[in-house]
Amino acid sequence: MLAGSIAGAVSAIGFLKLNKIFQDKLGLHDTCGVQFLHGFPGLLGGFTSVICCAASEYNLGGVAARAIVFAKVDKFSPAKQANINLAAMAITMGIAISSGFVAGFIASRLPHPKILFDDNPNFNHVEFGDDTDVYNIAHQHVQEVELKSSS
């Protein structure tokens, strides 16, 4: 519960306050807040799992208690499981960072729009307006079918 609460706070505070600092100081521009919604809370969860696995060696007294947490107690000790979790985090970070660099490199080579963060040029063919008539007609048909089938 504590780790989840901290992750939620990190996510919200990071998006509201740290996003601007990351953009100004580090040049990391995250329009969707992905690093604070998924990245940092995920790292916190990963480190929490490492700490919990390592601490279980001392907190879960006997082999029977550890067998409940670690199904294959004979193959993996809690310390080894902590190391496996840490290695998995390192691999995940390596993949995320390298694929982010590749995607950023490709995106930087594409033509840039004249006005950033404006989707209107992509939706010139779409007529925006009040869609409630279409919605009401579609749902009226559904309601008529339901009335006929219930009678």
C-alpha atoms as a PDB file:
ATOM      1  CA  MET A   1       0.000   0.000   0.000  1.00  0.00           C
ATOM      2  CA  LEU A   2       2.797   2.372   0.861  1.00  0.00           C
ATOM      3  CA  ALA A   3       4.663   1.754  -2.403  1.00  0.00           C
ATOM      4  CA  GLY A   4       1.466   2.290  -4.408  1.00  0.00           C
ATOM      5  CA  SER A   5       0.709   5.530  -2.578  1.00  0.00           C
ATOM      6  CA  ILE A   6       4.228   6.799  -3.155  1.00  0.00           C
ATOM      7  CA  ALA A   7       4.041   5.782  -6.829  1.00  0.00           C
ATOM      8  CA  GLY A   8       0.794   7.715  -7.233  1.00  0.00           C
ATOM      9  CA  ALA A   9       2.307  10.782  -5.594  1.00  0.00           C
ATOM     10  CA  VAL A  10       5.465  10.525  -7.718  1.00  0.00           C
ATOM     11  CA  SER A  11       3.323  10.233 -10.829  1.00  0.00           C
ATOM     12  CA  ALA A  12       1.140  13.245 -10.053  1.00  0.00           C
ATOM     13  CA  ILE A  13       3.847  15.527  -8.652  1.00  0.00           C
ATOM     14  CA  GLY A  14       6.253  14.528 -11.398  1.00  0.00           C
ATOM     15  CA  PHE A  15       3.787  15.353 -14.139  1.00  0.00           C
ATOM     16  CA  LEU A  16       2.716  18.634 -12.544  1.00  0.00           C
ATOM     17  CA  LYS A  17       6.058  19.957 -11.280  1.00  0.00           C
ATOM     18  CA  LEU A  18       9.047  17.979 -12.559  1.00  0.00           C
ATOM     19  CA  ASN A  19       8.024  17.805 -16.215  1.00  0.00           C
ATOM     20  CA  LYS A  20       8.964  21.476 -16.724  1.00  0.00           C
ATOM     21  CA  ILE A  21      12.311  20.975 -14.953  1.00  0.00           C
ATOM     22  CA  PHE A  22      13.105  17.916 -17.068  1.00  0.00           C
ATOM     23  CA  GLN A  23      12.274  19.880 -20.199  1.00  0.00           C
ATOM     24  CA  ASP A  24      14.267  23.001 -19.285  1.00  0.00           C
ATOM     25  CA  LYS A  25      17.326  21.424 -17.641  1.00  0.00           C
ATOM     26  CA  LEU A  26      17.649  18.047 -19.406  1.00  0.00           C
ATOM     27  CA  GLY A  27      15.924  18.728 -22.717  1.00  0.00           C
ATOM     28  CA  LEU A  28      13.503  15.824 -22.191  1.00  0.00           C
ATOM     29  CA  HIS A  29      10.185  16.792 -23.730  1.00  0.00           C
ATOM     30  CA  ASP A  30       7.442  14.394 -22.646  1.00  0.00           C
ATOM     31  CA  THR A  31       4.107  15.699 -23.946  1.00  0.00           C
ATOM     32  CA  CYS A  32       2.106  12.757 -22.622  1.00  0.00           C
ATOM     33  CA  GLY A  33       3.768  12.405 -19.232  1.00  0.00           C
ATOM     34  CA  VAL A  34       4.754   8.794 -19.939  1.00  0.00           C
ATOM     35  CA  GLN A  35       7.925   8.964 -17.863  1.00  0.00           C
ATOM     36  CA  PHE A  36       5.940  10.007 -14.791  1.00  0.00           C
ATOM     37  CA  LEU A  37       2.900   7.814 -15.421  1.00  0.00           C
ATOM     38  CA  HIS A  38       4.777   4.590 -16.229  1.00  0.00           C
ATOM     39  CA  GLY A  39       8.538   5.112 -15.902  1.00  0.00           C
ATOM     40  CA  PHE A  40       9.199   6.346 -12.396  1.00  0.00           C
ATOM     41  CA  PRO A  41       6.364   4.423 -10.696  1.00  0.00           C
ATOM     42  CA  GLY A  42       7.586   1.306 -12.537  1.00  0.00           C
ATOM     43  CA  LEU A  43      11.119   1.860 -11.257  1.00  0.00           C
ATOM     44  CA  LEU A  44       9.762   2.361  -7.759  1.00  0.00           C
ATOM     45  CA  GLY A  45       7.820  -0.914  -8.053  1.00  0.00           C
ATOM     46  CA  GLY A  46      10.892  -2.718  -9.340  1.00  0.00           C
ATOM     47  CA  PHE A  47      13.100  -1.462  -6.512  1.00  0.00           C
ATOM     48  CA  THR A  48      10.354  -2.324  -4.026  1.00  0.00           C
ATOM     49  CA  SER A  49      10.294  -5.903  -5.332  1.00  0.00           C
ATOM     50  CA  VAL A  50      14.080  -6.145  -5.019  1.00  0.00           C
ATOM     51  CA  ILE A  51      13.990  -4.851  -1.443  1.00  0.00           C
ATOM     52  CA  CYS A  52      11.087  -7.119  -0.474  1.00  0.00           C
ATOM     53  CA  CYS A  53      12.775 -10.196  -1.944  1.00  0.00           C
ATOM     54  CA  ALA A  54      16.075  -9.429  -0.253  1.00  0.00           C
ATOM     55  CA  ALA A  55      14.405  -8.610   3.080  1.00  0.00           C
ATOM     56  CA  SER A  56      12.292 -11.771   3.026  1.00  0.00           C
ATOM     57  CA  GLU A  57      15.415 -13.797   3.711  1.00  0.00           C
ATOM     58  CA  TYR A  58      15.462 -12.246   7.166  1.00  0.00           C
ATOM     59  CA  ASN A  59      11.776 -11.509   7.754  1.00  0.00           C
ATOM     60  CA  LEU A  60      10.290 -14.851   6.722  1.00  0.00           C
ATOM     61  CA  GLY A  61      11.740 -17.101   9.377  1.00  0.00           C
ATOM     62  CA  GLY A  62      11.483 -20.637   8.135  1.00  0.00           C
ATOM     63  CA  VAL A  63      11.624 -22.515   4.868  1.00  0.00           C
ATOM     64  CA  ALA A  64       7.858 -23.081   4.975  1.00  0.00           C
ATOM     65  CA  ALA A  65       7.139 -19.352   5.113  1.00  0.00           C
ATOM     66  CA  ARG A  66       9.524 -18.693   2.226  1.00  0.00           C
ATOM     67  CA  ALA A  67       7.931 -21.517   0.238  1.00  0.00           C
ATOM     68  CA  ILE A  68       4.668 -19.586   0.239  1.00  0.00           C
ATOM     69  CA  VAL A  69       6.371 -16.523  -1.261  1.00  0.00           C
ATOM     70  CA  PHE A  70       8.890 -18.338  -3.448  1.00  0.00           C
ATOM     71  CA  ALA A  71       7.361 -21.452  -4.975  1.00  0.00           C
ATOM     72  CA  LYS A  72      10.736 -22.875  -6.006  1.00  0.00           C
ATOM     73  CA  VAL A  73      12.589 -22.347  -2.750  1.00  0.00           C
ATOM     74  CA  ASP A  74      15.108 -25.048  -3.576  1.00  0.00           C
ATOM     75  CA  LYS A  75      16.180 -23.312  -6.836  1.00  0.00           C
ATOM     76  CA  PHE A  76      16.058 -19.629  -5.917  1.00  0.00           C
ATOM     77  CA  SER A  77      16.914 -18.099  -2.610  1.00  0.00           C
ATOM     78  CA  PRO A  78      15.258 -14.761  -1.865  1.00  0.00           C
ATOM     79  CA  ALA A  79      18.622 -13.039  -2.413  1.00  0.00           C
ATOM     80  CA  LYS A  80      18.969 -14.665  -5.828  1.00  0.00           C
ATOM     81  CA  GLN A  81      15.413 -13.642  -6.710  1.00  0.00           C
ATOM     82  CA  ALA A  82      16.260 -10.059  -5.715  1.00  0.00           C
ATOM     83  CA  ASN A  83      19.248 -10.170  -8.084  1.00  0.00           C
ATOM     84  CA  ILE A  84      17.080 -11.581 -10.874  1.00  0.00           C
ATOM     85  CA  ASN A  85      14.567  -8.773 -10.374  1.00  0.00           C
ATOM     86  CA  LEU A  86      17.370  -6.197 -10.440  1.00  0.00           C
ATOM     87  CA  ALA A  87      18.799  -7.701 -13.641  1.00  0.00           C
ATOM     88  CA  ALA A  88      15.340  -7.674 -15.240  1.00  0.00           C
ATOM     89  CA  MET A  89      14.994  -3.985 -14.359  1.00  0.00           C
ATOM     90  CA  ALA A  90      18.384  -3.228 -15.935  1.00  0.00           C
ATOM     91  CA  ILE A  91      17.440  -5.089 -19.121  1.00  0.00           C
ATOM     92  CA  THR A  92      14.087  -3.306 -19.281  1.00  0.00           C
ATOM     93  CA  MET A  93      15.734   0.087 -18.808  1.00  0.00           C
ATOM     94  CA  GLY A  94      18.297  -0.729 -21.487  1.00  0.00           C
ATOM     95  CA  ILE A  95      15.580  -1.657 -23.976  1.00  0.00           C
ATOM     96  CA  ALA A  96      13.444   1.379 -23.067  1.00  0.00           C
ATOM     97  CA  ILE A  97      16.284   3.893 -23.305  1.00  0.00           C
ATOM     98  CA  SER A  98      17.784   2.510 -26.510  1.00  0.00           C
ATOM     99  CA  SER A  99      14.418   2.221 -28.270  1.00  0.00           C
ATOM    100  CA  GLY A 100      13.591   5.753 -27.087  1.00  0.00           C
ATOM    101  CA  PHE A 101      16.803   7.057 -28.657  1.00  0.00           C
ATOM    102  CA  VAL A 102      16.061   5.240 -31.914  1.00  0.00           C
ATOM    103  CA  ALA A 103      12.471   6.534 -32.028  1.00  0.00           C
ATOM    104  CA  GLY A 104      13.647  10.055 -31.168  1.00  0.00           C
ATOM    105  CA  PHE A 105      16.310   9.927 -33.862  1.00  0.00           C
ATOM    106  CA  ILE A 106      13.798   8.803 -36.487  1.00  0.00           C
ATOM    107  CA  ALA A 107      11.239  11.399 -35.382  1.00  0.00           C
ATOM    108  CA  SER A 108      13.862  14.160 -35.538  1.00  0.00           C
ATOM    109  CA  ARG A 109      14.511  13.320 -39.219  1.00  0.00           C
ATOM    110  CA  LEU A 110      10.841  13.558 -40.230  1.00  0.00           C
ATOM    111  CA  PRO A 111       9.355  16.807 -41.547  1.00  0.00           C
ATOM    112  CA  HIS A 112       8.106  19.064 -38.777  1.00  0.00           C
ATOM    113  CA  PRO A 113       4.688  20.733 -38.862  1.00  0.00           C
ATOM    114  CA  LYS A 114       4.576  24.530 -39.029  1.00  0.00           C
ATOM    115  CA  ILE A 115       2.535  24.746 -35.830  1.00  0.00           C
ATOM    116  CA  LEU A 116       3.537  22.268 -33.149  1.00  0.00           C
ATOM    117  CA  PHE A 117       0.878  20.379 -31.155  1.00  0.00           C
ATOM    118  CA  ASP A 118      -1.902  21.278 -33.609  1.00  0.00           C
ATOM    119  CA  ASP A 119      -3.840  18.355 -35.087  1.00  0.00           C
ATOM    120  CA  ASN A 120      -6.101  20.384 -37.380  1.00  0.00           C
ATOM    121  CA  PRO A 121      -4.037  19.766 -40.573  1.00  0.00           C
ATOM    122  CA  ASN A 122      -4.501  16.019 -40.032  1.00  0.00           C
ATOM    123  CA  PHE A 123      -8.275  16.340 -39.766  1.00  0.00           C
ATOM    124  CA  ASN A 124      -9.166  18.662 -42.672  1.00  0.00           C
ATOM    125  CA  HIS A 125     -11.421  15.985 -44.150  1.00  0.00           C
ATOM    126  CA  VAL A 126     -13.443  15.621 -40.934  1.00  0.00           C
ATOM    127  CA  GLU A 127     -16.484  17.768 -40.350  1.00  0.00           C
ATOM    128  CA  PHE A 128     -16.756  18.634 -36.698  1.00  0.00           C
ATOM    129  CA  GLY A 129     -20.128  19.366 -35.255  1.00  0.00           C
ATOM    130  CA  ASP A 130     -22.908  18.060 -33.128  1.00  0.00           C
ATOM    131  CA  ASP A 131     -23.059  14.259 -33.374  1.00  0.00           C
ATOM    132  CA  THR A 132     -25.984  13.822 -31.002  1.00  0.00           C
ATOM    133  CA  ASP A 133     -28.433  13.224 -33.873  1.00  0.00           C
ATOM    134  CA  VAL A 134     -26.371  10.320 -35.191  1.00  0.00           C
ATOM    135  CA  TYR A 135     -26.020   8.941 -31.652  1.00  0.00           C
ATOM    136  CA  ASN A 136     -29.742   9.235 -30.932  1.00  0.00           C
ATOM    137  CA  ILE A 137     -30.752   7.590 -34.226  1.00  0.00           C
ATOM    138  CA  ALA A 138     -28.384   4.666 -33.634  1.00  0.00           C
ATOM    139  CA  HIS A 139     -29.602   4.134 -30.086  1.00  0.00           C
ATOM    140  CA  GLN A 140     -33.255   4.511 -31.052  1.00  0.00           C
ATOM    141  CA  HIS A 141     -32.793   1.598 -33.447  1.00  0.00           C
ATOM    142  CA  VAL A 142     -31.175  -0.480 -30.687  1.00  0.00           C
ATOM    143  CA  GLN A 143     -34.045   0.304 -28.310  1.00  0.00           C
ATOM    144  CA  GLU A 144     -36.634  -0.674 -30.975  1.00  0.00           C
ATOM    145  CA  VAL A 145     -34.892  -3.994 -31.538  1.00  0.00           C
ATOM    146  CA  GLU A 146     -34.779  -4.631 -27.766  1.00  0.00           C
ATOM    147  CA  LEU A 147     -38.515  -3.846 -27.432  1.00  0.00           C
ATOM    148  CA  LYS A 148     -39.412  -6.210 -30.295  1.00  0.00           C
ATOM    149  CA  SER A 149     -37.302  -9.042 -28.900  1.00  0.00           C
ATOM    150  CA  SER A 150     -38.750  -8.692 -25.398  1.00  0.00           C
ATOM    151  CA  SER A 151     -42.362  -8.865 -26.623  1.00  0.00           C
END
